Amino acid sequence: MNHSRPRTRLRLGFAAVLALFLGVLVAPPALAAPSAPSVRAAEDSVVATFNVTTYTQWGQQVYVTGNRPELGSWNPDKAVPLSSASYPTWSATVVLPANTGVEYKYIVKAANTPVVWETGPNRTTITPPTGTYITHETFRN
């Protein structure tokens, strides 16, 4: 009596194996986990986490930009990408100087389309003297 189990083979093409391997090593920013726990501030800085809720279409990415170099100095090409890991809430963590006035806005970018800036006046804040600064906001259309 033969009690051996039947053999099942999984055949993956080279392209499929390569795609799986690269997918493990390089996750796109929109799918990466938020980086808040690994960000540390210097003594004269604070850890700022920007959270904004907005619904997007496939291929769109949400960013924050503002008057500080850490936020891209109002340049959409240098804006900070937010993670969609908790979609529809997008978030990113950056280190900002303590006790400093900051102006910022959220933007939406996608390939081959104009940048969409949220409406209304610039958002403003003064960072705290120590610790963390966290926003919970809604994108203004």
C-alpha atoms as a PDB file:
ATOM      1  CA  MET A   1       0.000   0.000   0.000  1.00  0.00           C
ATOM      2  CA  ASN A   2       1.427   3.378  -1.019  1.00  0.00           C
ATOM      3  CA  HIS A   3       0.842   6.047   1.625  1.00  0.00           C
ATOM      4  CA  SER A   4       2.858   8.825   0.037  1.00  0.00           C
ATOM      5  CA  ARG A   5       1.198  12.158  -0.468  1.00  0.00           C
ATOM      6  CA  PRO A   6       0.633  13.374  -3.999  1.00  0.00           C
ATOM      7  CA  ARG A   7       3.148  15.976  -5.064  1.00  0.00           C
ATOM      8  CA  THR A   8       1.876  19.398  -5.965  1.00  0.00           C
ATOM      9  CA  ARG A   9       4.181  21.758  -7.771  1.00  0.00           C
ATOM     10  CA  LEU A  10       3.778  25.471  -7.921  1.00  0.00           C
ATOM     11  CA  ARG A  11       5.210  26.835 -11.105  1.00  0.00           C
ATOM     12  CA  LEU A  12       5.970  30.519 -11.264  1.00  0.00           C
ATOM     13  CA  GLY A  13       7.568  32.152 -14.211  1.00  0.00           C
ATOM     14  CA  PHE A  14      10.747  34.151 -13.785  1.00  0.00           C
ATOM     15  CA  ALA A  15       8.842  37.445 -14.163  1.00  0.00           C
ATOM     16  CA  ALA A  16       6.369  36.475 -11.423  1.00  0.00           C
ATOM     17  CA  VAL A  17       9.158  35.475  -9.022  1.00  0.00           C
ATOM     18  CA  LEU A  18      11.054  38.677  -9.767  1.00  0.00           C
ATOM     19  CA  ALA A  19       7.922  40.776  -9.245  1.00  0.00           C
ATOM     20  CA  LEU A  20       7.233  39.087  -5.904  1.00  0.00           C
ATOM     21  CA  PHE A  21      10.845  39.537  -4.813  1.00  0.00           C
ATOM     22  CA  LEU A  22      10.990  43.201  -5.799  1.00  0.00           C
ATOM     23  CA  GLY A  23       7.584  43.861  -4.271  1.00  0.00           C
ATOM     24  CA  VAL A  24       8.911  42.697  -0.924  1.00  0.00           C
ATOM     25  CA  LEU A  25      12.025  44.859  -1.162  1.00  0.00           C
ATOM     26  CA  VAL A  26      10.549  48.023  -2.646  1.00  0.00           C
ATOM     27  CA  ALA A  27       7.077  49.015  -1.455  1.00  0.00           C
ATOM     28  CA  PRO A  28       5.636  52.138  -3.099  1.00  0.00           C
ATOM     29  CA  PRO A  29       5.373  55.132  -0.697  1.00  0.00           C
ATOM     30  CA  ALA A  30       1.585  55.117  -0.885  1.00  0.00           C
ATOM     31  CA  LEU A  31       1.532  51.555   0.482  1.00  0.00           C
ATOM     32  CA  ALA A  32       4.361  51.816   2.965  1.00  0.00           C
ATOM     33  CA  ALA A  33       3.578  51.897   6.644  1.00  0.00           C
ATOM     34  CA  PRO A  34       3.666  55.285   8.362  1.00  0.00           C
ATOM     35  CA  SER A  35       7.146  56.169   9.557  1.00  0.00           C
ATOM     36  CA  ALA A  36       6.212  58.007  12.768  1.00  0.00           C
ATOM     37  CA  PRO A  37       7.802  55.587  15.253  1.00  0.00           C
ATOM     38  CA  SER A  38      11.246  55.826  13.621  1.00  0.00           C
ATOM     39  CA  VAL A  39      11.437  59.629  13.404  1.00  0.00           C
ATOM     40  CA  ARG A  40      13.361  61.345  16.188  1.00  0.00           C
ATOM     41  CA  ALA A  41      13.753  65.074  16.752  1.00  0.00           C
ATOM     42  CA  ALA A  42      16.841  66.959  17.853  1.00  0.00           C
ATOM     43  CA  GLU A  43      16.662  68.962  21.079  1.00  0.00           C
ATOM     44  CA  ASP A  44      15.514  72.138  19.301  1.00  0.00           C
ATOM     45  CA  SER A  45      13.038  70.311  17.035  1.00  0.00           C
ATOM     46  CA  VAL A  46       9.670  68.606  17.218  1.00  0.00           C
ATOM     47  CA  VAL A  47       8.246  65.585  15.443  1.00  0.00           C
ATOM     48  CA  ALA A  48       5.287  66.776  13.373  1.00  0.00           C
ATOM     49  CA  THR A  49       2.734  64.348  11.979  1.00  0.00           C
ATOM     50  CA  PHE A  50       0.364  65.631   9.312  1.00  0.00           C
ATOM     51  CA  ASN A  51      -2.906  63.690   8.955  1.00  0.00           C
ATOM     52  CA  VAL A  52      -5.437  64.709   6.325  1.00  0.00           C
ATOM     53  CA  THR A  53      -8.570  62.907   5.232  1.00  0.00           C
ATOM     54  CA  THR A  54      -9.413  62.965   1.553  1.00  0.00           C
ATOM     55  CA  TYR A  55     -10.723  60.548  -1.047  1.00  0.00           C
ATOM     56  CA  THR A  56      -8.578  60.164  -4.130  1.00  0.00           C
ATOM     57  CA  GLN A  57      -8.687  58.351  -7.422  1.00  0.00           C
ATOM     58  CA  TRP A  58      -6.322  55.616  -8.515  1.00  0.00           C
ATOM     59  CA  GLY A  59      -2.888  57.078  -9.268  1.00  0.00           C
ATOM     60  CA  GLN A  60      -3.295  60.198  -7.137  1.00  0.00           C
ATOM     61  CA  GLN A  61      -0.920  60.940  -4.257  1.00  0.00           C
ATOM     62  CA  VAL A  62      -1.429  63.443  -1.425  1.00  0.00           C
ATOM     63  CA  TYR A  63       1.416  65.682  -0.237  1.00  0.00           C
ATOM     64  CA  VAL A  64       1.991  68.477   2.246  1.00  0.00           C
ATOM     65  CA  THR A  65       4.020  71.539   1.317  1.00  0.00           C
ATOM     66  CA  GLY A  66       4.697  74.809   3.049  1.00  0.00           C
ATOM     67  CA  ASN A  67       6.962  77.704   3.896  1.00  0.00           C
ATOM     68  CA  ARG A  68       9.655  75.554   5.539  1.00  0.00           C
ATOM     69  CA  PRO A  69      12.422  73.704   3.663  1.00  0.00           C
ATOM     70  CA  GLU A  70      11.322  70.537   5.486  1.00  0.00           C
ATOM     71  CA  LEU A  71       7.967  70.904   3.685  1.00  0.00           C
ATOM     72  CA  GLY A  72       9.415  71.710   0.276  1.00  0.00           C
ATOM     73  CA  SER A  73       9.345  75.541   0.443  1.00  0.00           C
ATOM     74  CA  TRP A  74       6.036  75.682  -1.472  1.00  0.00           C
ATOM     75  CA  ASN A  75       7.555  73.697  -4.361  1.00  0.00           C
ATOM     76  CA  PRO A  76       5.208  70.818  -5.341  1.00  0.00           C
ATOM     77  CA  ASP A  77       8.205  68.872  -6.670  1.00  0.00           C
ATOM     78  CA  LYS A  78       9.781  68.971  -3.187  1.00  0.00           C
ATOM     79  CA  ALA A  79       6.561  68.444  -1.190  1.00  0.00           C
ATOM     80  CA  VAL A  80       6.415  65.662   1.415  1.00  0.00           C
ATOM     81  CA  PRO A  81       4.455  62.584   0.244  1.00  0.00           C
ATOM     82  CA  LEU A  82       1.836  61.274   2.646  1.00  0.00           C
ATOM     83  CA  SER A  83       1.189  57.569   3.181  1.00  0.00           C
ATOM     84  CA  SER A  84      -2.207  56.093   2.329  1.00  0.00           C
ATOM     85  CA  ALA A  85      -1.755  53.201   4.777  1.00  0.00           C
ATOM     86  CA  SER A  86      -4.839  54.378   6.724  1.00  0.00           C
ATOM     87  CA  TYR A  87      -6.839  55.525   3.684  1.00  0.00           C
ATOM     88  CA  PRO A  88      -8.821  57.770   3.447  1.00  0.00           C
ATOM     89  CA  THR A  89      -6.531  59.377   6.024  1.00  0.00           C
ATOM     90  CA  TRP A  90      -3.137  60.208   4.564  1.00  0.00           C
ATOM     91  CA  SER A  91      -0.191  60.907   6.867  1.00  0.00           C
ATOM     92  CA  ALA A  92       3.487  61.792   7.022  1.00  0.00           C
ATOM     93  CA  THR A  93       5.892  62.607   9.805  1.00  0.00           C
ATOM     94  CA  VAL A  94       8.655  65.209   9.525  1.00  0.00           C
ATOM     95  CA  VAL A  95      10.982  66.965  11.925  1.00  0.00           C
ATOM     96  CA  LEU A  96      10.364  70.723  12.220  1.00  0.00           C
ATOM     97  CA  PRO A  97      12.102  73.378  14.302  1.00  0.00           C
ATOM     98  CA  ALA A  98      10.548  74.044  17.718  1.00  0.00           C
ATOM     99  CA  ASN A  99       8.743  77.334  18.473  1.00  0.00           C
ATOM    100  CA  THR A 100       8.498  78.194  14.788  1.00  0.00           C
ATOM    101  CA  GLY A 101       5.661  79.570  12.687  1.00  0.00           C
ATOM    102  CA  VAL A 102       4.694  77.197   9.895  1.00  0.00           C
ATOM    103  CA  GLU A 103       2.359  77.742   6.937  1.00  0.00           C
ATOM    104  CA  TYR A 104       1.293  74.773   4.856  1.00  0.00           C
ATOM    105  CA  LYS A 105      -1.269  73.284   2.485  1.00  0.00           C
ATOM    106  CA  TYR A 106      -2.115  69.842   1.211  1.00  0.00           C
ATOM    107  CA  ILE A 107      -1.880  69.076  -2.500  1.00  0.00           C
ATOM    108  CA  VAL A 108      -2.839  66.166  -4.743  1.00  0.00           C
ATOM    109  CA  LYS A 109      -0.587  65.103  -7.581  1.00  0.00           C
ATOM    110  CA  ALA A 110      -0.893  62.518 -10.339  1.00  0.00           C
ATOM    111  CA  ALA A 111       1.114  61.817 -13.465  1.00  0.00           C
ATOM    112  CA  ASN A 112       0.424  64.128 -16.410  1.00  0.00           C
ATOM    113  CA  THR A 113      -2.155  66.235 -14.553  1.00  0.00           C
ATOM    114  CA  PRO A 114      -1.943  69.654 -12.903  1.00  0.00           C
ATOM    115  CA  VAL A 115      -1.283  69.815  -9.165  1.00  0.00           C
ATOM    116  CA  VAL A 116      -4.502  70.303  -7.170  1.00  0.00           C
ATOM    117  CA  TRP A 117      -4.008  72.710  -4.254  1.00  0.00           C
ATOM    118  CA  GLU A 118      -6.535  72.669  -1.467  1.00  0.00           C
ATOM    119  CA  THR A 119      -8.714  75.798  -1.372  1.00  0.00           C
ATOM    120  CA  GLY A 120      -8.782  78.493   1.280  1.00  0.00           C
ATOM    121  CA  PRO A 121      -6.028  80.324   3.109  1.00  0.00           C
ATOM    122  CA  ASN A 122      -2.761  78.683   4.085  1.00  0.00           C
ATOM    123  CA  ARG A 123      -2.975  76.598   7.220  1.00  0.00           C
ATOM    124  CA  THR A 124      -0.858  78.103   9.999  1.00  0.00           C
ATOM    125  CA  THR A 125       0.570  76.898  13.284  1.00  0.00           C
ATOM    126  CA  ILE A 126       3.390  77.515  15.701  1.00  0.00           C
ATOM    127  CA  THR A 127       5.245  74.350  16.609  1.00  0.00           C
ATOM    128  CA  PRO A 128       5.496  73.559  20.321  1.00  0.00           C
ATOM    129  CA  PRO A 129       8.745  74.090  22.260  1.00  0.00           C
ATOM    130  CA  THR A 130       9.284  70.310  22.653  1.00  0.00           C
ATOM    131  CA  GLY A 131       7.717  66.967  21.851  1.00  0.00           C
ATOM    132  CA  THR A 132       5.289  66.364  19.026  1.00  0.00           C
ATOM    133  CA  TYR A 133       2.810  68.218  16.864  1.00  0.00           C
ATOM    134  CA  ILE A 134      -0.063  66.283  15.254  1.00  0.00           C
ATOM    135  CA  THR A 135      -2.757  67.453  12.848  1.00  0.00           C
ATOM    136  CA  HIS A 136      -6.098  65.796  12.058  1.00  0.00           C
ATOM    137  CA  GLU A 137      -7.576  67.716   9.145  1.00  0.00           C
ATOM    138  CA  THR A 138      -9.802  67.409   6.099  1.00  0.00           C
ATOM    139  CA  PHE A 139      -8.674  68.372   2.596  1.00  0.00           C
ATOM    140  CA  ARG A 140     -10.468  71.546   1.491  1.00  0.00           C
ATOM    141  CA  ASN A 141     -11.825  71.144  -2.064  1.00  0.00           C
END
